[in-house]
Amino acid sequence: MLKVEILGWHKVFALKSRFLIPLAHVGGVRRDPEDAGRWWKGWRLFGTAFPGVVWAGWFYKDGRHTFWDVSKPENAIAIDLINEGYSQLIVEVADPDEAASLIRGATGNFPG
């Protein structure tokens, strides 16, 4: 299982505290700071959106449900999901390269 824990006040902002996702449902992971830094994340369904400060919660864009928890786009990773309620999780982590590498290593089903 992939465990994504939402920390601190972001639990309140996102209205969510954690995700537990079967590794077989992870379709890919990547860094994309340009996409994470764009101002339009989609239609906010639940959560908090303070542009330039924090994006946290459920968003809908281009027919996809995405969960965001990002304050610093340069530290964000995008996790593509299969057969889950979300198409993607975009979350901020301390070390994006290490986090992406760990997820790739755990799933073993897609290249870097």
PDB file of N, CA and C in Angstrom:
ATOM      1  N   MET A   1       0.836  -1.186   0.000  1.00  0.00           N
ATOM      2  CA  MET A   1       0.000   0.000   0.000  1.00  0.00           C
ATOM      3  C   MET A   1       0.883   1.254   0.000  1.00  0.00           C
ATOM      4  N   LEU A   2       0.445   2.241  -0.752  1.00  0.00           N
ATOM      5  CA  LEU A   2       1.068   3.562  -0.722  1.00  0.00           C
ATOM      6  C   LEU A   2       0.288   4.389   0.294  1.00  0.00           C
ATOM      7  N   LYS A   3       0.994   4.900   1.286  1.00  0.00           N
ATOM      8  CA  LYS A   3       0.356   5.732   2.307  1.00  0.00           C
ATOM      9  C   LYS A   3       0.807   7.172   2.093  1.00  0.00           C
ATOM     10  N   VAL A   4      -0.160   8.054   1.861  1.00  0.00           N
ATOM     11  CA  VAL A   4       0.104   9.485   1.723  1.00  0.00           C
ATOM     12  C   VAL A   4      -0.549  10.166   2.917  1.00  0.00           C
ATOM     13  N   GLU A   5       0.277  10.753   3.763  1.00  0.00           N
ATOM     14  CA  GLU A   5      -0.191  11.399   4.988  1.00  0.00           C
ATOM     15  C   GLU A   5      -0.197  12.909   4.790  1.00  0.00           C
ATOM     16  N   ILE A   6      -1.316  13.546   5.080  1.00  0.00           N
ATOM     17  CA  ILE A   6      -1.432  15.003   5.023  1.00  0.00           C
ATOM     18  C   ILE A   6      -1.052  15.524   6.408  1.00  0.00           C
ATOM     19  N   LEU A   7      -0.151  16.489   6.453  1.00  0.00           N
ATOM     20  CA  LEU A   7       0.402  16.933   7.732  1.00  0.00           C
ATOM     21  C   LEU A   7      -0.109  18.304   8.167  1.00  0.00           C
ATOM     22  N   GLY A   8      -0.062  18.518   9.472  1.00  0.00           N
ATOM     23  CA  GLY A   8      -0.333  19.833  10.067  1.00  0.00           C
ATOM     24  C   GLY A   8      -1.677  20.423   9.704  1.00  0.00           C
ATOM     25  N   TRP A   9      -1.665  21.738   9.504  1.00  0.00           N
ATOM     26  CA  TRP A   9      -2.886  22.465   9.179  1.00  0.00           C
ATOM     27  C   TRP A   9      -3.455  22.056   7.833  1.00  0.00           C
ATOM     28  N   HIS A  10      -2.641  21.433   7.002  1.00  0.00           N
ATOM     29  CA  HIS A  10      -3.119  21.020   5.683  1.00  0.00           C
ATOM     30  C   HIS A  10      -4.243  19.995   5.796  1.00  0.00           C
ATOM     31  N   LYS A  11      -4.301  19.261   6.912  1.00  0.00           N
ATOM     32  CA  LYS A  11      -5.432  18.349   7.146  1.00  0.00           C
ATOM     33  C   LYS A  11      -6.740  19.136   7.182  1.00  0.00           C
ATOM     34  N   VAL A  12      -6.694  20.294   7.801  1.00  0.00           N
ATOM     35  CA  VAL A  12      -7.883  21.152   7.898  1.00  0.00           C
ATOM     36  C   VAL A  12      -8.175  21.785   6.537  1.00  0.00           C
ATOM     37  N   PHE A  13      -7.133  22.297   5.876  1.00  0.00           N
ATOM     38  CA  PHE A  13      -7.310  22.937   4.575  1.00  0.00           C
ATOM     39  C   PHE A  13      -7.864  21.967   3.538  1.00  0.00           C
ATOM     40  N   ALA A  14      -7.371  20.720   3.565  1.00  0.00           N
ATOM     41  CA  ALA A  14      -7.733  19.730   2.545  1.00  0.00           C
ATOM     42  C   ALA A  14      -8.964  18.911   2.912  1.00  0.00           C
ATOM     43  N   LEU A  15      -9.371  18.969   4.164  1.00  0.00           N
ATOM     44  CA  LEU A  15     -10.483  18.151   4.648  1.00  0.00           C
ATOM     45  C   LEU A  15     -10.191  16.659   4.474  1.00  0.00           C
ATOM     46  N   LYS A  16      -8.916  16.313   4.619  1.00  0.00           N
ATOM     47  CA  LYS A  16      -8.476  14.916   4.443  1.00  0.00           C
ATOM     48  C   LYS A  16      -7.192  14.739   5.243  1.00  0.00           C
ATOM     49  N   SER A  17      -6.979  13.548   5.825  1.00  0.00           N
ATOM     50  CA  SER A  17      -5.765  13.332   6.597  1.00  0.00           C
ATOM     51  C   SER A  17      -4.826  12.298   5.985  1.00  0.00           C
ATOM     52  N   ARG A  18      -5.355  11.341   5.194  1.00  0.00           N
ATOM     53  CA  ARG A  18      -4.456  10.352   4.590  1.00  0.00           C
ATOM     54  C   ARG A  18      -5.140   9.601   3.463  1.00  0.00           C
ATOM     55  N   PHE A  19      -4.295   9.007   2.633  1.00  0.00           N
ATOM     56  CA  PHE A  19      -4.731   8.105   1.574  1.00  0.00           C
ATOM     57  C   PHE A  19      -3.990   6.793   1.737  1.00  0.00           C
ATOM     58  N   LEU A  20      -4.670   5.681   1.559  1.00  0.00           N
ATOM     59  CA  LEU A  20      -4.062   4.360   1.477  1.00  0.00           C
ATOM     60  C   LEU A  20      -4.450   3.788   0.125  1.00  0.00           C
ATOM     61  N   ILE A  21      -3.454   3.596  -0.738  1.00  0.00           N
ATOM     62  CA  ILE A  21      -3.715   3.212  -2.115  1.00  0.00           C
ATOM     63  C   ILE A  21      -2.939   1.935  -2.429  1.00  0.00           C
ATOM     64  N   PRO A  22      -3.616   0.906  -2.952  1.00  0.00           N
ATOM     65  CA  PRO A  22      -2.880  -0.291  -3.362  1.00  0.00           C
ATOM     66  C   PRO A  22      -1.828   0.078  -4.415  1.00  0.00           C
ATOM     67  N   LEU A  23      -0.636  -0.475  -4.282  1.00  0.00           N
ATOM     68  CA  LEU A  23       0.437  -0.156  -5.222  1.00  0.00           C
ATOM     69  C   LEU A  23       0.051  -0.485  -6.663  1.00  0.00           C
ATOM     70  N   ALA A  24      -0.790  -1.486  -6.851  1.00  0.00           N
ATOM     71  CA  ALA A  24      -1.248  -1.841  -8.202  1.00  0.00           C
ATOM     72  C   ALA A  24      -2.096  -0.732  -8.829  1.00  0.00           C
ATOM     73  N   HIS A  25      -2.594   0.197  -8.026  1.00  0.00           N
ATOM     74  CA  HIS A  25      -3.424   1.301  -8.517  1.00  0.00           C
ATOM     75  C   HIS A  25      -2.605   2.558  -8.822  1.00  0.00           C
ATOM     76  N   VAL A  26      -1.294   2.481  -8.634  1.00  0.00           N
ATOM     77  CA  VAL A  26      -0.416   3.611  -8.960  1.00  0.00           C
ATOM     78  C   VAL A  26       0.053   3.424 -10.399  1.00  0.00           C
ATOM     79  N   GLY A  27      -0.313   4.370 -11.257  1.00  0.00           N
ATOM     80  CA  GLY A  27       0.033   4.270 -12.671  1.00  0.00           C
ATOM     81  C   GLY A  27       1.289   5.014 -13.052  1.00  0.00           C
ATOM     82  N   GLY A  28       1.779   5.871 -12.195  1.00  0.00           N
ATOM     83  CA  GLY A  28       2.986   6.629 -12.497  1.00  0.00           C
ATOM     84  C   GLY A  28       3.205   7.700 -11.452  1.00  0.00           C
ATOM     85  N   VAL A  29       4.411   8.223 -11.435  1.00  0.00           N
ATOM     86  CA  VAL A  29       4.742   9.323 -10.524  1.00  0.00           C
ATOM     87  C   VAL A  29       5.794  10.177 -11.219  1.00  0.00           C
ATOM     88  N   ARG A  30       5.673  11.486 -11.040  1.00  0.00           N
ATOM     89  CA  ARG A  30       6.618  12.389 -11.687  1.00  0.00           C
ATOM     90  C   ARG A  30       6.634  13.739 -10.973  1.00  0.00           C
ATOM     91  N   ARG A  31       7.688  14.474 -11.233  1.00  0.00           N
ATOM     92  CA  ARG A  31       7.763  15.868 -10.813  1.00  0.00           C
ATOM     93  C   ARG A  31       7.291  16.714 -11.978  1.00  0.00           C
ATOM     94  N   ASP A  32       6.492  17.707 -11.683  1.00  0.00           N
ATOM     95  CA  ASP A  32       6.059  18.640 -12.721  1.00  0.00           C
ATOM     96  C   ASP A  32       5.807  19.989 -12.060  1.00  0.00           C
ATOM     97  N   PRO A  33       6.892  20.681 -11.656  1.00  0.00           N
ATOM     98  CA  PRO A  33       6.716  21.947 -10.935  1.00  0.00           C
ATOM     99  C   PRO A  33       6.005  23.022 -11.753  1.00  0.00           C
ATOM    100  N   GLU A  34       6.150  22.981 -13.088  1.00  0.00           N
ATOM    101  CA  GLU A  34       5.451  23.973 -13.918  1.00  0.00           C
ATOM    102  C   GLU A  34       3.938  23.789 -13.816  1.00  0.00           C
ATOM    103  N   ASP A  35       3.475  22.552 -13.943  1.00  0.00           N
ATOM    104  CA  ASP A  35       2.040  22.289 -13.836  1.00  0.00           C
ATOM    105  C   ASP A  35       1.547  22.599 -12.421  1.00  0.00           C
ATOM    106  N   ALA A  36       2.319  22.193 -11.422  1.00  0.00           N
ATOM    107  CA  ALA A  36       1.924  22.446 -10.033  1.00  0.00           C
ATOM    108  C   ALA A  36       1.877  23.943  -9.726  1.00  0.00           C
ATOM    109  N   GLY A  37       2.649  24.747 -10.455  1.00  0.00           N
ATOM    110  CA  GLY A  37       2.686  26.182 -10.218  1.00  0.00           C
ATOM    111  C   GLY A  37       1.647  26.981 -10.983  1.00  0.00           C
ATOM    112  N   ARG A  38       0.934  26.333 -11.898  1.00  0.00           N
ATOM    113  CA  ARG A  38      -0.093  27.061 -12.650  1.00  0.00           C
ATOM    114  C   ARG A  38      -1.218  27.490 -11.717  1.00  0.00           C
ATOM    115  N   TRP A  39      -1.780  28.645 -12.008  1.00  0.00           N
ATOM    116  CA  TRP A  39      -2.801  29.184 -11.107  1.00  0.00           C
ATOM    117  C   TRP A  39      -4.119  28.419 -11.212  1.00  0.00           C
ATOM    118  N   TRP A  40      -4.467  27.853 -12.360  1.00  0.00           N
ATOM    119  CA  TRP A  40      -5.752  27.157 -12.511  1.00  0.00           C
ATOM    120  C   TRP A  40      -5.581  25.669 -12.226  1.00  0.00           C
ATOM    121  N   LYS A  41      -6.123  25.222 -11.115  1.00  0.00           N
ATOM    122  CA  LYS A  41      -6.055  23.817 -10.722  1.00  0.00           C
ATOM    123  C   LYS A  41      -7.323  23.072 -11.107  1.00  0.00           C
ATOM    124  N   GLY A  42      -8.352  23.816 -11.429  1.00  0.00           N
ATOM    125  CA  GLY A  42      -9.656  23.226 -11.732  1.00  0.00           C
ATOM    126  C   GLY A  42     -10.702  23.814 -10.812  1.00  0.00           C
ATOM    127  N   TRP A  43     -11.879  23.286 -10.922  1.00  0.00           N
ATOM    128  CA  TRP A  43     -12.978  23.724 -10.059  1.00  0.00           C
ATOM    129  C   TRP A  43     -12.806  23.094  -8.691  1.00  0.00           C
ATOM    130  N   ARG A  44     -12.755  23.923  -7.665  1.00  0.00           N
ATOM    131  CA  ARG A  44     -12.605  23.410  -6.300  1.00  0.00           C
ATOM    132  C   ARG A  44     -13.936  22.828  -5.851  1.00  0.00           C
ATOM    133  N   LEU A  45     -13.917  21.557  -5.469  1.00  0.00           N
ATOM    134  CA  LEU A  45     -15.116  20.907  -4.972  1.00  0.00           C
ATOM    135  C   LEU A  45     -15.179  20.985  -3.448  1.00  0.00           C
ATOM    136  N   PHE A  46     -14.071  20.612  -2.792  1.00  0.00           N
ATOM    137  CA  PHE A  46     -13.951  20.693  -1.339  1.00  0.00           C
ATOM    138  C   PHE A  46     -12.514  21.056  -1.013  1.00  0.00           C
ATOM    139  N   GLY A  47     -12.324  21.867  -0.011  1.00  0.00           N
ATOM    140  CA  GLY A  47     -10.969  22.197   0.401  1.00  0.00           C
ATOM    141  C   GLY A  47     -10.723  23.691   0.390  1.00  0.00           C
ATOM    142  N   THR A  48      -9.455  24.053   0.196  1.00  0.00           N
ATOM    143  CA  THR A  48      -9.008  25.431   0.329  1.00  0.00           C
ATOM    144  C   THR A  48      -8.186  25.835  -0.880  1.00  0.00           C
ATOM    145  N   ALA A  49      -8.424  27.029  -1.361  1.00  0.00           N
ATOM    146  CA  ALA A  49      -7.628  27.566  -2.463  1.00  0.00           C
ATOM    147  C   ALA A  49      -7.286  29.017  -2.171  1.00  0.00           C
ATOM    148  N   PHE A  50      -6.026  29.245  -1.813  1.00  0.00           N
ATOM    149  CA  PHE A  50      -5.486  30.588  -1.665  1.00  0.00           C
ATOM    150  C   PHE A  50      -4.320  30.678  -2.643  1.00  0.00           C
ATOM    151  N   PRO A  51      -4.568  31.164  -3.874  1.00  0.00           N
ATOM    152  CA  PRO A  51      -3.510  31.202  -4.886  1.00  0.00           C
ATOM    153  C   PRO A  51      -2.230  31.837  -4.353  1.00  0.00           C
ATOM    154  N   GLY A  52      -1.135  31.148  -4.618  1.00  0.00           N
ATOM    155  CA  GLY A  52       0.161  31.601  -4.147  1.00  0.00           C
ATOM    156  C   GLY A  52       0.477  31.204  -2.718  1.00  0.00           C
ATOM    157  N   VAL A  53      -0.508  30.636  -2.008  1.00  0.00           N
ATOM    158  CA  VAL A  53      -0.300  30.240  -0.615  1.00  0.00           C
ATOM    159  C   VAL A  53      -0.487  28.741  -0.446  1.00  0.00           C
ATOM    160  N   VAL A  54      -1.682  28.240  -0.744  1.00  0.00           N
ATOM    161  CA  VAL A  54      -1.957  26.811  -0.584  1.00  0.00           C
ATOM    162  C   VAL A  54      -3.119  26.391  -1.490  1.00  0.00           C
ATOM    163  N   TRP A  55      -2.961  25.212  -2.064  1.00  0.00           N
ATOM    164  CA  TRP A  55      -4.039  24.525  -2.778  1.00  0.00           C
ATOM    165  C   TRP A  55      -4.193  23.197  -2.076  1.00  0.00           C
ATOM    166  N   ALA A  56      -5.340  22.947  -1.474  1.00  0.00           N
ATOM    167  CA  ALA A  56      -5.524  21.718  -0.715  1.00  0.00           C
ATOM    168  C   ALA A  56      -6.976  21.264  -0.820  1.00  0.00           C
ATOM    169  N   GLY A  57      -7.163  20.060  -1.334  1.00  0.00           N
ATOM    170  CA  GLY A  57      -8.500  19.499  -1.417  1.00  0.00           C
ATOM    171  C   GLY A  57      -8.782  18.889  -2.773  1.00  0.00           C
ATOM    172  N   TRP A  58     -10.080  18.709  -3.052  1.00  0.00           N
ATOM    173  CA  TRP A  58     -10.553  18.063  -4.271  1.00  0.00           C
ATOM    174  C   TRP A  58     -10.842  19.096  -5.348  1.00  0.00           C
ATOM    175  N   PHE A  59     -10.319  18.841  -6.535  1.00  0.00           N
ATOM    176  CA  PHE A  59     -10.528  19.729  -7.677  1.00  0.00           C
ATOM    177  C   PHE A  59     -10.958  18.906  -8.883  1.00  0.00           C
ATOM    178  N   TYR A  60     -11.701  19.542  -9.784  1.00  0.00           N
ATOM    179  CA  TYR A  60     -12.192  18.874 -10.988  1.00  0.00           C
ATOM    180  C   TYR A  60     -11.774  19.687 -12.205  1.00  0.00           C
ATOM    181  N   LYS A  61     -11.073  19.027 -13.149  1.00  0.00           N
ATOM    182  CA  LYS A  61     -10.606  19.712 -14.345  1.00  0.00           C
ATOM    183  C   LYS A  61     -10.477  18.694 -15.478  1.00  0.00           C
ATOM    184  N   ASP A  62     -10.980  19.060 -16.640  1.00  0.00           N
ATOM    185  CA  ASP A  62     -10.862  18.222 -17.838  1.00  0.00           C
ATOM    186  C   ASP A  62     -11.372  16.800 -17.617  1.00  0.00           C
ATOM    187  N   GLY A  63     -12.477  16.666 -16.886  1.00  0.00           N
ATOM    188  CA  GLY A  63     -13.074  15.353 -16.666  1.00  0.00           C
ATOM    189  C   GLY A  63     -12.358  14.496 -15.641  1.00  0.00           C
ATOM    190  N   ARG A  64     -11.437  15.082 -14.899  1.00  0.00           N
ATOM    191  CA  ARG A  64     -10.653  14.327 -13.919  1.00  0.00           C
ATOM    192  C   ARG A  64     -10.792  14.918 -12.522  1.00  0.00           C
ATOM    193  N   HIS A  65     -10.884  14.043 -11.534  1.00  0.00           N
ATOM    194  CA  HIS A  65     -10.859  14.457 -10.128  1.00  0.00           C
ATOM    195  C   HIS A  65      -9.426  14.353  -9.633  1.00  0.00           C
ATOM    196  N   THR A  66      -8.940  15.443  -9.069  1.00  0.00           N
ATOM    197  CA  THR A  66      -7.565  15.504  -8.596  1.00  0.00           C
ATOM    198  C   THR A  66      -7.549  16.006  -7.165  1.00  0.00           C
ATOM    199  N   PHE A  67      -6.696  15.411  -6.350  1.00  0.00           N
ATOM    200  CA  PHE A  67      -6.487  15.892  -4.994  1.00  0.00           C
ATOM    201  C   PHE A  67      -5.183  16.677  -4.974  1.00  0.00           C
ATOM    202  N   TRP A  68      -5.231  17.877  -4.432  1.00  0.00           N
ATOM    203  CA  TRP A  68      -4.062  18.752  -4.314  1.00  0.00           C
ATOM    204  C   TRP A  68      -3.740  18.998  -2.844  1.00  0.00           C
ATOM    205  N   ASP A  69      -2.455  19.009  -2.530  1.00  0.00           N
ATOM    206  CA  ASP A  69      -1.967  19.526  -1.252  1.00  0.00           C
ATOM    207  C   ASP A  69      -0.581  20.121  -1.519  1.00  0.00           C
ATOM    208  N   VAL A  70      -0.579  21.375  -1.968  1.00  0.00           N
ATOM    209  CA  VAL A  70       0.654  22.017  -2.412  1.00  0.00           C
ATOM    210  C   VAL A  70       0.711  23.471  -1.948  1.00  0.00           C
ATOM    211  N   SER A  71       1.833  23.827  -1.331  1.00  0.00           N
ATOM    212  CA  SER A  71       2.153  25.225  -1.034  1.00  0.00           C
ATOM    213  C   SER A  71       3.342  25.672  -1.866  1.00  0.00           C
ATOM    214  N   LYS A  72       4.304  24.773  -2.041  1.00  0.00           N
ATOM    215  CA  LYS A  72       5.525  25.065  -2.801  1.00  0.00           C
ATOM    216  C   LYS A  72       5.563  24.152  -4.032  1.00  0.00           C
ATOM    217  N   PRO A  73       5.169  24.663  -5.189  1.00  0.00           N
ATOM    218  CA  PRO A  73       5.097  23.826  -6.397  1.00  0.00           C
ATOM    219  C   PRO A  73       6.407  23.119  -6.747  1.00  0.00           C
ATOM    220  N   GLU A  74       7.546  23.716  -6.401  1.00  0.00           N
ATOM    221  CA  GLU A  74       8.829  23.087  -6.719  1.00  0.00           C
ATOM    222  C   GLU A  74       9.054  21.794  -5.942  1.00  0.00           C
ATOM    223  N   ASN A  75       8.272  21.547  -4.888  1.00  0.00           N
ATOM    224  CA  ASN A  75       8.383  20.327  -4.087  1.00  0.00           C
ATOM    225  C   ASN A  75       7.224  19.361  -4.329  1.00  0.00           C
ATOM    226  N   ALA A  76       6.478  19.559  -5.394  1.00  0.00           N
ATOM    227  CA  ALA A  76       5.297  18.724  -5.653  1.00  0.00           C
ATOM    228  C   ALA A  76       5.640  17.525  -6.533  1.00  0.00           C
ATOM    229  N   ILE A  77       4.946  16.425  -6.267  1.00  0.00           N
ATOM    230  CA  ILE A  77       4.979  15.272  -7.160  1.00  0.00           C
ATOM    231  C   ILE A  77       3.545  14.960  -7.562  1.00  0.00           C
ATOM    232  N   ALA A  78       3.390  14.427  -8.756  1.00  0.00           N
ATOM    233  CA  ALA A  78       2.077  14.013  -9.263  1.00  0.00           C
ATOM    234  C   ALA A  78       2.054  12.492  -9.301  1.00  0.00           C
ATOM    235  N   ILE A  79       1.063  11.899  -8.648  1.00  0.00           N
ATOM    236  CA  ILE A  79       0.901  10.448  -8.605  1.00  0.00           C
ATOM    237  C   ILE A  79      -0.354  10.107  -9.400  1.00  0.00           C
ATOM    238  N   ASP A  80      -0.176   9.430 -10.525  1.00  0.00           N
ATOM    239  CA  ASP A  80      -1.312   9.021 -11.357  1.00  0.00           C
ATOM    240  C   ASP A  80      -1.925   7.760 -10.769  1.00  0.00           C
ATOM    241  N   LEU A  81      -3.262   7.734 -10.723  1.00  0.00           N
ATOM    242  CA  LEU A  81      -3.970   6.613 -10.107  1.00  0.00           C
ATOM    243  C   LEU A  81      -4.861   5.898 -11.110  1.00  0.00           C
ATOM    244  N   ILE A  82      -5.041   4.611 -10.878  1.00  0.00           N
ATOM    245  CA  ILE A  82      -5.898   3.759 -11.700  1.00  0.00           C
ATOM    246  C   ILE A  82      -6.948   3.135 -10.780  1.00  0.00           C
ATOM    247  N   ASN A  83      -8.206   3.167 -11.202  1.00  0.00           N
ATOM    248  CA  ASN A  83      -9.304   2.539 -10.445  1.00  0.00           C
ATOM    249  C   ASN A  83      -9.434   3.076  -9.023  1.00  0.00           C
ATOM    250  N   GLU A  84      -9.247   4.370  -8.874  1.00  0.00           N
ATOM    251  CA  GLU A  84      -9.429   5.032  -7.585  1.00  0.00           C
ATOM    252  C   GLU A  84     -10.452   6.148  -7.775  1.00  0.00           C
ATOM    253  N   GLY A  85     -10.894   6.754  -6.718  1.00  0.00           N
ATOM    254  CA  GLY A  85     -11.845   7.856  -6.806  1.00  0.00           C
ATOM    255  C   GLY A  85     -11.243   9.108  -7.425  1.00  0.00           C
ATOM    256  N   TYR A  86      -9.914   9.200  -7.402  1.00  0.00           N
ATOM    257  CA  TYR A  86      -9.191  10.319  -7.984  1.00  0.00           C
ATOM    258  C   TYR A  86      -8.391   9.811  -9.177  1.00  0.00           C
ATOM    259  N   SER A  87      -8.171  10.687 -10.139  1.00  0.00           N
ATOM    260  CA  SER A  87      -7.280  10.371 -11.254  1.00  0.00           C
ATOM    261  C   SER A  87      -5.832  10.630 -10.867  1.00  0.00           C
ATOM    262  N   GLN A  88      -5.654  11.552  -9.906  1.00  0.00           N
ATOM    263  CA  GLN A  88      -4.299  11.979  -9.589  1.00  0.00           C
ATOM    264  C   GLN A  88      -4.236  12.602  -8.198  1.00  0.00           C
ATOM    265  N   LEU A  89      -3.110  12.386  -7.525  1.00  0.00           N
ATOM    266  CA  LEU A  89      -2.781  13.098  -6.296  1.00  0.00           C
ATOM    267  C   LEU A  89      -1.589  13.987  -6.625  1.00  0.00           C
ATOM    268  N   ILE A  90      -1.684  15.253  -6.298  1.00  0.00           N
ATOM    269  CA  ILE A  90      -0.556  16.157  -6.456  1.00  0.00           C
ATOM    270  C   ILE A  90      -0.259  16.699  -5.069  1.00  0.00           C
ATOM    271  N   VAL A  91       0.868  16.259  -4.529  1.00  0.00           N
ATOM    272  CA  VAL A  91       1.190  16.561  -3.138  1.00  0.00           C
ATOM    273  C   VAL A  91       2.606  17.091  -3.010  1.00  0.00           C
ATOM    274  N   GLU A  92       2.796  17.913  -2.010  1.00  0.00           N
ATOM    275  CA  GLU A  92       4.112  18.469  -1.705  1.00  0.00           C
ATOM    276  C   GLU A  92       4.840  17.514  -0.764  1.00  0.00           C
ATOM    277  N   VAL A  93       6.101  17.279  -1.051  1.00  0.00           N
ATOM    278  CA  VAL A  93       6.933  16.403  -0.221  1.00  0.00           C
ATOM    279  C   VAL A  93       8.252  17.114   0.069  1.00  0.00           C
ATOM    280  N   ALA A  94       8.978  16.632   1.073  1.00  0.00           N
ATOM    281  CA  ALA A  94      10.248  17.264   1.452  1.00  0.00           C
ATOM    282  C   ALA A  94      11.299  17.116   0.355  1.00  0.00           C
ATOM    283  N   ASP A  95      11.387  15.933  -0.250  1.00  0.00           N
ATOM    284  CA  ASP A  95      12.382  15.668  -1.292  1.00  0.00           C
ATOM    285  C   ASP A  95      11.674  14.983  -2.466  1.00  0.00           C
ATOM    286  N   PRO A  96      11.251  15.739  -3.475  1.00  0.00           N
ATOM    287  CA  PRO A  96      10.469  15.174  -4.578  1.00  0.00           C
ATOM    288  C   PRO A  96      11.177  14.053  -5.343  1.00  0.00           C
ATOM    289  N   ASP A  97      12.473  14.201  -5.576  1.00  0.00           N
ATOM    290  CA  ASP A  97      13.192  13.159  -6.315  1.00  0.00           C
ATOM    291  C   ASP A  97      13.229  11.851  -5.525  1.00  0.00           C
ATOM    292  N   GLU A  98      13.511  11.940  -4.236  1.00  0.00           N
ATOM    293  CA  GLU A  98      13.558  10.743  -3.397  1.00  0.00           C
ATOM    294  C   GLU A  98      12.178  10.098  -3.279  1.00  0.00           C
ATOM    295  N   ALA A  99      11.139  10.905  -3.066  1.00  0.00           N
ATOM    296  CA  ALA A  99       9.786  10.365  -2.934  1.00  0.00           C
ATOM    297  C   ALA A  99       9.366   9.645  -4.216  1.00  0.00           C
ATOM    298  N   ALA A 100       9.620  10.269  -5.365  1.00  0.00           N
ATOM    299  CA  ALA A 100       9.257   9.644  -6.642  1.00  0.00           C
ATOM    300  C   ALA A 100      10.034   8.346  -6.844  1.00  0.00           C
ATOM    301  N   SER A 101      11.299   8.350  -6.485  1.00  0.00           N
ATOM    302  CA  SER A 101      12.123   7.155  -6.617  1.00  0.00           C
ATOM    303  C   SER A 101      11.624   6.022  -5.715  1.00  0.00           C
ATOM    304  N   LEU A 102      11.258   6.348  -4.486  1.00  0.00           N
ATOM    305  CA  LEU A 102      10.728   5.331  -3.563  1.00  0.00           C
ATOM    306  C   LEU A 102       9.429   4.721  -4.090  1.00  0.00           C
ATOM    307  N   ILE A 103       8.560   5.558  -4.618  1.00  0.00           N
ATOM    308  CA  ILE A 103       7.284   5.055  -5.148  1.00  0.00           C
ATOM    309  C   ILE A 103       7.547   4.181  -6.368  1.00  0.00           C
ATOM    310  N   ARG A 104       8.420   4.620  -7.259  1.00  0.00           N
ATOM    311  CA  ARG A 104       8.764   3.807  -8.439  1.00  0.00           C
ATOM    312  C   ARG A 104       9.321   2.457  -8.018  1.00  0.00           C
ATOM    313  N   GLY A 105      10.217   2.473  -7.028  1.00  0.00           N
ATOM    314  CA  GLY A 105      10.823   1.234  -6.554  1.00  0.00           C
ATOM    315  C   GLY A 105       9.817   0.298  -5.913  1.00  0.00           C
ATOM    316  N   ALA A 106       8.854   0.854  -5.204  1.00  0.00           N
ATOM    317  CA  ALA A 106       7.845   0.020  -4.530  1.00  0.00           C
ATOM    318  C   ALA A 106       6.883  -0.608  -5.521  1.00  0.00           C
ATOM    319  N   THR A 107       6.533   0.128  -6.564  1.00  0.00           N
ATOM    320  CA  THR A 107       5.563  -0.409  -7.514  1.00  0.00           C
ATOM    321  C   THR A 107       6.232  -1.312  -8.537  1.00  0.00           C
ATOM    322  N   GLY A 108       7.402  -0.909  -9.013  1.00  0.00           N
ATOM    323  CA  GLY A 108       8.123  -1.714  -9.976  1.00  0.00           C
ATOM    324  C   GLY A 108       7.416  -1.910 -11.309  1.00  0.00           C
ATOM    325  N   ASN A 109       6.324  -1.145 -11.545  1.00  0.00           N
ATOM    326  CA  ASN A 109       5.553  -1.384 -12.768  1.00  0.00           C
ATOM    327  C   ASN A 109       5.638  -0.251 -13.793  1.00  0.00           C
ATOM    328  N   PHE A 110       6.514   0.709 -13.586  1.00  0.00           N
ATOM    329  CA  PHE A 110       6.670   1.766 -14.569  1.00  0.00           C
ATOM    330  C   PHE A 110       8.057   2.376 -14.443  1.00  0.00           C
ATOM    331  N   PRO A 111       8.603   2.858 -15.534  1.00  0.00           N
ATOM    332  CA  PRO A 111       9.946   3.434 -15.511  1.00  0.00           C
ATOM    333  C   PRO A 111       9.960   4.834 -14.929  1.00  0.00           C
ATOM    334  N   GLY A 112      11.162   5.354 -14.638  1.00  0.00           N
ATOM    335  CA  GLY A 112      11.335   6.703 -14.135  1.00  0.00           C
ATOM    336  C   GLY A 112      11.115   7.675 -15.220  1.00  0.00           C
TER     337      GLY A 112
END
